[in-house]
């Protein structure tokens, strides 16, 4: 799933399609934090009749410690880092137009200082621009990340080759207007028609 797609010109004049996404880094301790806070709340509710300042100091100390640790785990349990990864590169030189497609499967971070580790199904793939017949923009059903059996309607963008092979640029995103802007820009740059399918039509 592409969170925030965009298209812009690089410093060398090439057009780049980017995916800007937020990746969790570090261990996620939020569940443990909420669990501790829940235990503290249950402890207060269960022991409410003793809360007339009759309990000993250890009683209050354990509760305060539970709340402080729980709050720290919820607030600091795994940070986020914004990453910008390439999806497509379109450049022009003396020997013609060059198009490279990137297949990004997943990415993860160990810590907020690390660079994202990206799993790719292959190295950037060179595509012959003259072999592209049209740009396809439409609505697809996409599995929701981390939720088995849950699909979401998302907007997809593909380049169609002469032999019918689709080259994914955006496999799915919820940002319809951004994806559509990229589709129209690519169609104009490549000089091919834009085909809108299904609910993706404007």
C-alpha atoms as a PDB file:
ATOM      1  CA  UNK A   1       0.000   0.000   0.000  1.00  0.00           C
ATOM      2  CA  UNK A   2       1.361   3.391  -1.035  1.00  0.00           C
ATOM      3  CA  UNK A   3       0.570   5.970   1.648  1.00  0.00           C
ATOM      4  CA  UNK A   4       1.358   9.304   0.005  1.00  0.00           C
ATOM      5  CA  UNK A   5       2.288   9.104  -3.697  1.00  0.00           C
ATOM      6  CA  UNK A   6       3.831  12.084  -5.451  1.00  0.00           C
ATOM      7  CA  UNK A   7       5.570  12.999  -8.682  1.00  0.00           C
ATOM      8  CA  UNK A   8       8.313  15.594  -8.971  1.00  0.00           C
ATOM      9  CA  UNK A   9      11.386  16.487 -10.986  1.00  0.00           C
ATOM     10  CA  UNK A  10      14.756  15.379  -9.690  1.00  0.00           C
ATOM     11  CA  UNK A  11      17.859  17.577  -9.665  1.00  0.00           C
ATOM     12  CA  UNK A  12      19.033  15.996 -12.937  1.00  0.00           C
ATOM     13  CA  UNK A  13      15.714  16.689 -14.663  1.00  0.00           C
ATOM     14  CA  UNK A  14      14.280  13.169 -14.348  1.00  0.00           C
ATOM     15  CA  UNK A  15      10.657  12.680 -13.311  1.00  0.00           C
ATOM     16  CA  UNK A  16      10.345  10.575 -10.148  1.00  0.00           C
ATOM     17  CA  UNK A  17       7.264   8.936  -8.680  1.00  0.00           C
ATOM     18  CA  UNK A  18       7.725   8.599  -4.914  1.00  0.00           C
ATOM     19  CA  UNK A  19       6.030   6.826  -2.053  1.00  0.00           C
ATOM     20  CA  UNK A  20       6.282   8.765   1.203  1.00  0.00           C
ATOM     21  CA  UNK A  21       5.250   6.550   4.083  1.00  0.00           C
ATOM     22  CA  UNK A  22       5.483   6.351   7.844  1.00  0.00           C
ATOM     23  CA  UNK A  23       7.304   3.275   9.116  1.00  0.00           C
ATOM     24  CA  UNK A  24       7.340   2.172  12.745  1.00  0.00           C
ATOM     25  CA  UNK A  25      10.823   1.811  14.157  1.00  0.00           C
ATOM     26  CA  UNK A  26      11.890   0.149  17.364  1.00  0.00           C
ATOM     27  CA  UNK A  27       9.872  -2.288  19.429  1.00  0.00           C
ATOM     28  CA  UNK A  28       6.201  -1.571  19.896  1.00  0.00           C
ATOM     29  CA  UNK A  29       5.544  -1.516  23.649  1.00  0.00           C
ATOM     30  CA  UNK A  30       2.155   0.201  23.443  1.00  0.00           C
ATOM     31  CA  UNK A  31       0.191  -2.983  24.120  1.00  0.00           C
ATOM     32  CA  UNK A  32       2.124  -3.595  27.328  1.00  0.00           C
ATOM     33  CA  UNK A  33       1.577   0.043  28.324  1.00  0.00           C
ATOM     34  CA  UNK A  34      -2.176  -0.186  27.839  1.00  0.00           C
ATOM     35  CA  UNK A  35      -2.185  -3.486  29.708  1.00  0.00           C
ATOM     36  CA  UNK A  36      -0.445  -1.901  32.704  1.00  0.00           C
ATOM     37  CA  UNK A  37      -2.836   1.044  32.650  1.00  0.00           C
ATOM     38  CA  UNK A  38      -5.762  -1.372  32.492  1.00  0.00           C
ATOM     39  CA  UNK A  39      -4.415  -3.319  35.454  1.00  0.00           C
ATOM     40  CA  UNK A  40      -4.048  -0.076  37.399  1.00  0.00           C
ATOM     41  CA  UNK A  41      -7.609   0.984  36.579  1.00  0.00           C
ATOM     42  CA  UNK A  42      -8.966  -2.436  37.532  1.00  0.00           C
ATOM     43  CA  UNK A  43      -7.004  -2.313  40.781  1.00  0.00           C
ATOM     44  CA  UNK A  44      -8.566   1.061  41.652  1.00  0.00           C
ATOM     45  CA  UNK A  45     -12.094  -0.069  40.775  1.00  0.00           C
ATOM     46  CA  UNK A  46     -11.787  -3.337  42.667  1.00  0.00           C
ATOM     47  CA  UNK A  47     -10.260  -1.722  45.735  1.00  0.00           C
ATOM     48  CA  UNK A  48     -12.399   1.455  45.683  1.00  0.00           C
ATOM     49  CA  UNK A  49     -13.756   1.001  49.216  1.00  0.00           C
ATOM     50  CA  UNK A  50     -10.243   1.325  50.663  1.00  0.00           C
ATOM     51  CA  UNK A  51      -9.562   4.677  48.984  1.00  0.00           C
ATOM     52  CA  UNK A  52     -10.326   6.805  51.979  1.00  0.00           C
ATOM     53  CA  UNK A  53      -6.573   7.327  52.526  1.00  0.00           C
ATOM     54  CA  UNK A  54      -6.525   4.254  54.754  1.00  0.00           C
ATOM     55  CA  UNK A  55      -4.177   2.252  52.518  1.00  0.00           C
ATOM     56  CA  UNK A  56      -0.484   2.095  53.273  1.00  0.00           C
ATOM     57  CA  UNK A  57       2.176   3.979  51.271  1.00  0.00           C
ATOM     58  CA  UNK A  58       3.207   0.831  49.390  1.00  0.00           C
ATOM     59  CA  UNK A  59      -0.342   0.585  48.072  1.00  0.00           C
ATOM     60  CA  UNK A  60      -0.148   4.055  46.497  1.00  0.00           C
ATOM     61  CA  UNK A  61       3.446   3.618  45.382  1.00  0.00           C
ATOM     62  CA  UNK A  62       2.678   0.478  43.381  1.00  0.00           C
ATOM     63  CA  UNK A  63      -0.306   2.158  41.713  1.00  0.00           C
ATOM     64  CA  UNK A  64       1.643   5.316  40.830  1.00  0.00           C
ATOM     65  CA  UNK A  65       4.524   3.200  39.507  1.00  0.00           C
ATOM     66  CA  UNK A  66       2.110   1.163  37.406  1.00  0.00           C
ATOM     67  CA  UNK A  67       0.553   4.309  35.893  1.00  0.00           C
ATOM     68  CA  UNK A  68       3.915   5.994  35.224  1.00  0.00           C
ATOM     69  CA  UNK A  69       5.427   2.916  33.525  1.00  0.00           C
ATOM     70  CA  UNK A  70       2.237   2.282  31.541  1.00  0.00           C
ATOM     71  CA  UNK A  71       2.120   5.886  30.324  1.00  0.00           C
ATOM     72  CA  UNK A  72       5.803   5.819  29.329  1.00  0.00           C
ATOM     73  CA  UNK A  73       5.306   2.616  27.330  1.00  0.00           C
ATOM     74  CA  UNK A  74       2.228   3.993  25.558  1.00  0.00           C
ATOM     75  CA  UNK A  75       3.884   7.297  24.657  1.00  0.00           C
ATOM     76  CA  UNK A  76       7.313   5.969  23.727  1.00  0.00           C
ATOM     77  CA  UNK A  77       6.488   2.474  22.545  1.00  0.00           C
ATOM     78  CA  UNK A  78       8.044   2.483  19.098  1.00  0.00           C
ATOM     79  CA  UNK A  79       8.524   5.692  17.178  1.00  0.00           C
ATOM     80  CA  UNK A  80       7.915   6.476  13.531  1.00  0.00           C
ATOM     81  CA  UNK A  81      10.150   7.605  10.714  1.00  0.00           C
ATOM     82  CA  UNK A  82       9.079   9.127   7.428  1.00  0.00           C
ATOM     83  CA  UNK A  83      10.688   7.403   4.452  1.00  0.00           C
ATOM     84  CA  UNK A  84      10.656   8.365   0.792  1.00  0.00           C
ATOM     85  CA  UNK A  85      11.101   5.496  -1.647  1.00  0.00           C
ATOM     86  CA  UNK A  86      11.132   5.544  -5.476  1.00  0.00           C
ATOM     87  CA  UNK A  87       8.391   3.857  -7.490  1.00  0.00           C
ATOM     88  CA  UNK A  88       9.248   4.990 -11.024  1.00  0.00           C
ATOM     89  CA  UNK A  89      11.965   7.035 -12.764  1.00  0.00           C
ATOM     90  CA  UNK A  90      11.479   8.653 -16.162  1.00  0.00           C
ATOM     91  CA  UNK A  91      14.509  10.401 -17.632  1.00  0.00           C
ATOM     92  CA  UNK A  92      15.592  11.737 -21.009  1.00  0.00           C
ATOM     93  CA  UNK A  93      19.081  11.835 -22.506  1.00  0.00           C
ATOM     94  CA  UNK A  94      20.742  12.101 -25.922  1.00  0.00           C
ATOM     95  CA  UNK A  95      20.049   8.434 -26.641  1.00  0.00           C
ATOM     96  CA  UNK A  96      16.331   8.624 -25.823  1.00  0.00           C
ATOM     97  CA  UNK A  97      13.901   8.260 -22.966  1.00  0.00           C
ATOM     98  CA  UNK A  98      14.606   5.840 -20.121  1.00  0.00           C
ATOM     99  CA  UNK A  99      12.027   4.356 -17.771  1.00  0.00           C
ATOM    100  CA  UNK A 100      12.808   2.364 -14.627  1.00  0.00           C
ATOM    101  CA  UNK A 101      10.212   0.666 -12.447  1.00  0.00           C
ATOM    102  CA  UNK A 102      10.862  -0.334  -8.824  1.00  0.00           C
ATOM    103  CA  UNK A 103       9.027  -3.225  -7.189  1.00  0.00           C
ATOM    104  CA  UNK A 104       8.834  -2.515  -3.463  1.00  0.00           C
ATOM    105  CA  UNK A 105       7.388  -5.422  -1.498  1.00  0.00           C
ATOM    106  CA  UNK A 106       7.913  -4.320   2.075  1.00  0.00           C
ATOM    107  CA  UNK A 107      10.107  -2.231   4.305  1.00  0.00           C
ATOM    108  CA  UNK A 108      11.008  -2.226   7.967  1.00  0.00           C
ATOM    109  CA  UNK A 109      13.150  -0.369  10.473  1.00  0.00           C
ATOM    110  CA  UNK A 110      15.021  -1.678  13.501  1.00  0.00           C
ATOM    111  CA  UNK A 111      15.480   1.738  15.051  1.00  0.00           C
ATOM    112  CA  UNK A 112      14.750   5.327  14.151  1.00  0.00           C
ATOM    113  CA  UNK A 113      18.405   5.860  13.250  1.00  0.00           C
ATOM    114  CA  UNK A 114      18.471   3.015  10.719  1.00  0.00           C
ATOM    115  CA  UNK A 115      17.818   3.358   7.039  1.00  0.00           C
ATOM    116  CA  UNK A 116      14.745   1.391   5.947  1.00  0.00           C
ATOM    117  CA  UNK A 117      15.434  -2.171   4.900  1.00  0.00           C
ATOM    118  CA  UNK A 118      13.587  -2.674   1.627  1.00  0.00           C
ATOM    119  CA  UNK A 119      12.688  -6.052   0.195  1.00  0.00           C
ATOM    120  CA  UNK A 120      12.492  -5.888  -3.581  1.00  0.00           C
ATOM    121  CA  UNK A 121      11.394  -8.673  -5.879  1.00  0.00           C
ATOM    122  CA  UNK A 122      13.977  -7.516  -8.400  1.00  0.00           C
ATOM    123  CA  UNK A 123      16.358  -4.693  -9.132  1.00  0.00           C
ATOM    124  CA  UNK A 124      14.953  -1.593 -10.837  1.00  0.00           C
ATOM    125  CA  UNK A 125      13.487  -2.826 -14.108  1.00  0.00           C
ATOM    126  CA  UNK A 126      14.207  -1.003 -17.362  1.00  0.00           C
ATOM    127  CA  UNK A 127      11.116  -0.547 -19.511  1.00  0.00           C
ATOM    128  CA  UNK A 128      11.094   0.486 -23.140  1.00  0.00           C
ATOM    129  CA  UNK A 129       8.879   3.605 -23.230  1.00  0.00           C
ATOM    130  CA  UNK A 130       7.883   2.938 -26.844  1.00  0.00           C
ATOM    131  CA  UNK A 131       6.364  -0.375 -25.704  1.00  0.00           C
ATOM    132  CA  UNK A 132       3.830   1.334 -23.420  1.00  0.00           C
ATOM    133  CA  UNK A 133       0.374   1.563 -25.023  1.00  0.00           C
ATOM    134  CA  UNK A 134      -1.564   3.357 -22.272  1.00  0.00           C
ATOM    135  CA  UNK A 135      -1.700   4.332 -18.606  1.00  0.00           C
ATOM    136  CA  UNK A 136      -4.393   2.609 -16.498  1.00  0.00           C
ATOM    137  CA  UNK A 137      -5.985   4.230 -13.448  1.00  0.00           C
ATOM    138  CA  UNK A 138      -8.715   2.482 -11.502  1.00  0.00           C
ATOM    139  CA  UNK A 139     -10.075   1.017  -8.301  1.00  0.00           C
ATOM    140  CA  UNK A 140      -8.859  -2.332  -6.956  1.00  0.00           C
ATOM    141  CA  UNK A 141      -9.461  -4.495  -3.878  1.00  0.00           C
ATOM    142  CA  UNK A 142      -6.274  -4.651  -1.835  1.00  0.00           C
ATOM    143  CA  UNK A 143      -5.541  -6.683   1.323  1.00  0.00           C
ATOM    144  CA  UNK A 144      -5.225  -4.433   4.355  1.00  0.00           C
ATOM    145  CA  UNK A 145      -1.684  -4.718   5.772  1.00  0.00           C
ATOM    146  CA  UNK A 146      -1.597  -6.808   8.940  1.00  0.00           C
ATOM    147  CA  UNK A 147      -5.271  -7.835   8.736  1.00  0.00           C
ATOM    148  CA  UNK A 148      -5.973 -11.252   7.239  1.00  0.00           C
ATOM    149  CA  UNK A 149      -9.207 -11.508   5.284  1.00  0.00           C
ATOM    150  CA  UNK A 150      -9.751  -7.722   5.247  1.00  0.00           C
ATOM    151  CA  UNK A 151      -9.763  -5.959   1.873  1.00  0.00           C
ATOM    152  CA  UNK A 152      -9.979  -2.258   1.166  1.00  0.00           C
ATOM    153  CA  UNK A 153     -10.850  -0.380  -2.010  1.00  0.00           C
ATOM    154  CA  UNK A 154      -7.774   1.480  -3.202  1.00  0.00           C
ATOM    155  CA  UNK A 155      -6.728   3.373  -6.327  1.00  0.00           C
ATOM    156  CA  UNK A 156      -4.107   1.728  -8.531  1.00  0.00           C
ATOM    157  CA  UNK A 157      -1.938   2.989 -11.370  1.00  0.00           C
ATOM    158  CA  UNK A 158      -0.381   0.732 -14.015  1.00  0.00           C
ATOM    159  CA  UNK A 159       1.486   1.078 -17.282  1.00  0.00           C
ATOM    160  CA  UNK A 160       0.178  -1.283 -19.968  1.00  0.00           C
ATOM    161  CA  UNK A 161       2.719  -2.833 -22.350  1.00  0.00           C
ATOM    162  CA  UNK A 162       2.010  -3.913 -25.927  1.00  0.00           C
ATOM    163  CA  UNK A 163       1.872  -7.594 -24.968  1.00  0.00           C
ATOM    164  CA  UNK A 164      -0.740  -6.832 -22.300  1.00  0.00           C
ATOM    165  CA  UNK A 165       1.640  -7.045 -19.337  1.00  0.00           C
ATOM    166  CA  UNK A 166       0.760  -4.525 -16.605  1.00  0.00           C
ATOM    167  CA  UNK A 167       3.641  -2.718 -14.916  1.00  0.00           C
ATOM    168  CA  UNK A 168       2.527  -1.525 -11.465  1.00  0.00           C
ATOM    169  CA  UNK A 169       3.482   2.012 -10.528  1.00  0.00           C
ATOM    170  CA  UNK A 170       1.092   2.308  -7.565  1.00  0.00           C
ATOM    171  CA  UNK A 171      -0.349  -1.030  -6.473  1.00  0.00           C
ATOM    172  CA  UNK A 172      -2.892   0.735  -4.266  1.00  0.00           C
ATOM    173  CA  UNK A 173      -3.385   3.993  -2.388  1.00  0.00           C
ATOM    174  CA  UNK A 174      -6.213   5.802  -0.637  1.00  0.00           C
ATOM    175  CA  UNK A 175      -5.024   9.135  -2.063  1.00  0.00           C
ATOM    176  CA  UNK A 176      -7.167   9.321  -5.214  1.00  0.00           C
ATOM    177  CA  UNK A 177      -6.324  12.871  -6.324  1.00  0.00           C
ATOM    178  CA  UNK A 178      -2.555  12.405  -5.936  1.00  0.00           C
ATOM    179  CA  UNK A 179      -2.639   9.112  -7.849  1.00  0.00           C
ATOM    180  CA  UNK A 180      -4.770  10.649 -10.591  1.00  0.00           C
ATOM    181  CA  UNK A 181      -2.382  13.594 -10.929  1.00  0.00           C
ATOM    182  CA  UNK A 182       0.507  11.137 -11.361  1.00  0.00           C
ATOM    183  CA  UNK A 183      -1.514   9.179 -13.954  1.00  0.00           C
ATOM    184  CA  UNK A 184      -2.280  12.263 -16.057  1.00  0.00           C
ATOM    185  CA  UNK A 185       1.316  13.509 -15.818  1.00  0.00           C
ATOM    186  CA  UNK A 186       2.743  10.138 -16.918  1.00  0.00           C
ATOM    187  CA  UNK A 187       0.254   9.872 -19.793  1.00  0.00           C
ATOM    188  CA  UNK A 188       1.266  13.331 -20.980  1.00  0.00           C
ATOM    189  CA  UNK A 189       5.005  12.686 -20.618  1.00  0.00           C
ATOM    190  CA  UNK A 190       4.815   9.321 -22.407  1.00  0.00           C
ATOM    191  CA  UNK A 191       2.363  10.535 -25.049  1.00  0.00           C
ATOM    192  CA  UNK A 192      -0.117   7.701 -24.449  1.00  0.00           C
ATOM    193  CA  UNK A 193      -3.831   7.705 -23.550  1.00  0.00           C
ATOM    194  CA  UNK A 194      -5.064   7.440 -19.973  1.00  0.00           C
ATOM    195  CA  UNK A 195      -7.703   4.788 -19.385  1.00  0.00           C
ATOM    196  CA  UNK A 196      -9.864   5.083 -16.266  1.00  0.00           C
ATOM    197  CA  UNK A 197     -11.513   1.902 -15.063  1.00  0.00           C
ATOM    198  CA  UNK A 198     -14.452   1.332 -12.728  1.00  0.00           C
ATOM    199  CA  UNK A 199     -14.914   3.697  -9.805  1.00  0.00           C
ATOM    200  CA  UNK A 200     -11.557   5.248 -10.608  1.00  0.00           C
ATOM    201  CA  UNK A 201     -13.220   7.377 -13.283  1.00  0.00           C
ATOM    202  CA  UNK A 202     -13.430  11.091 -12.524  1.00  0.00           C
END
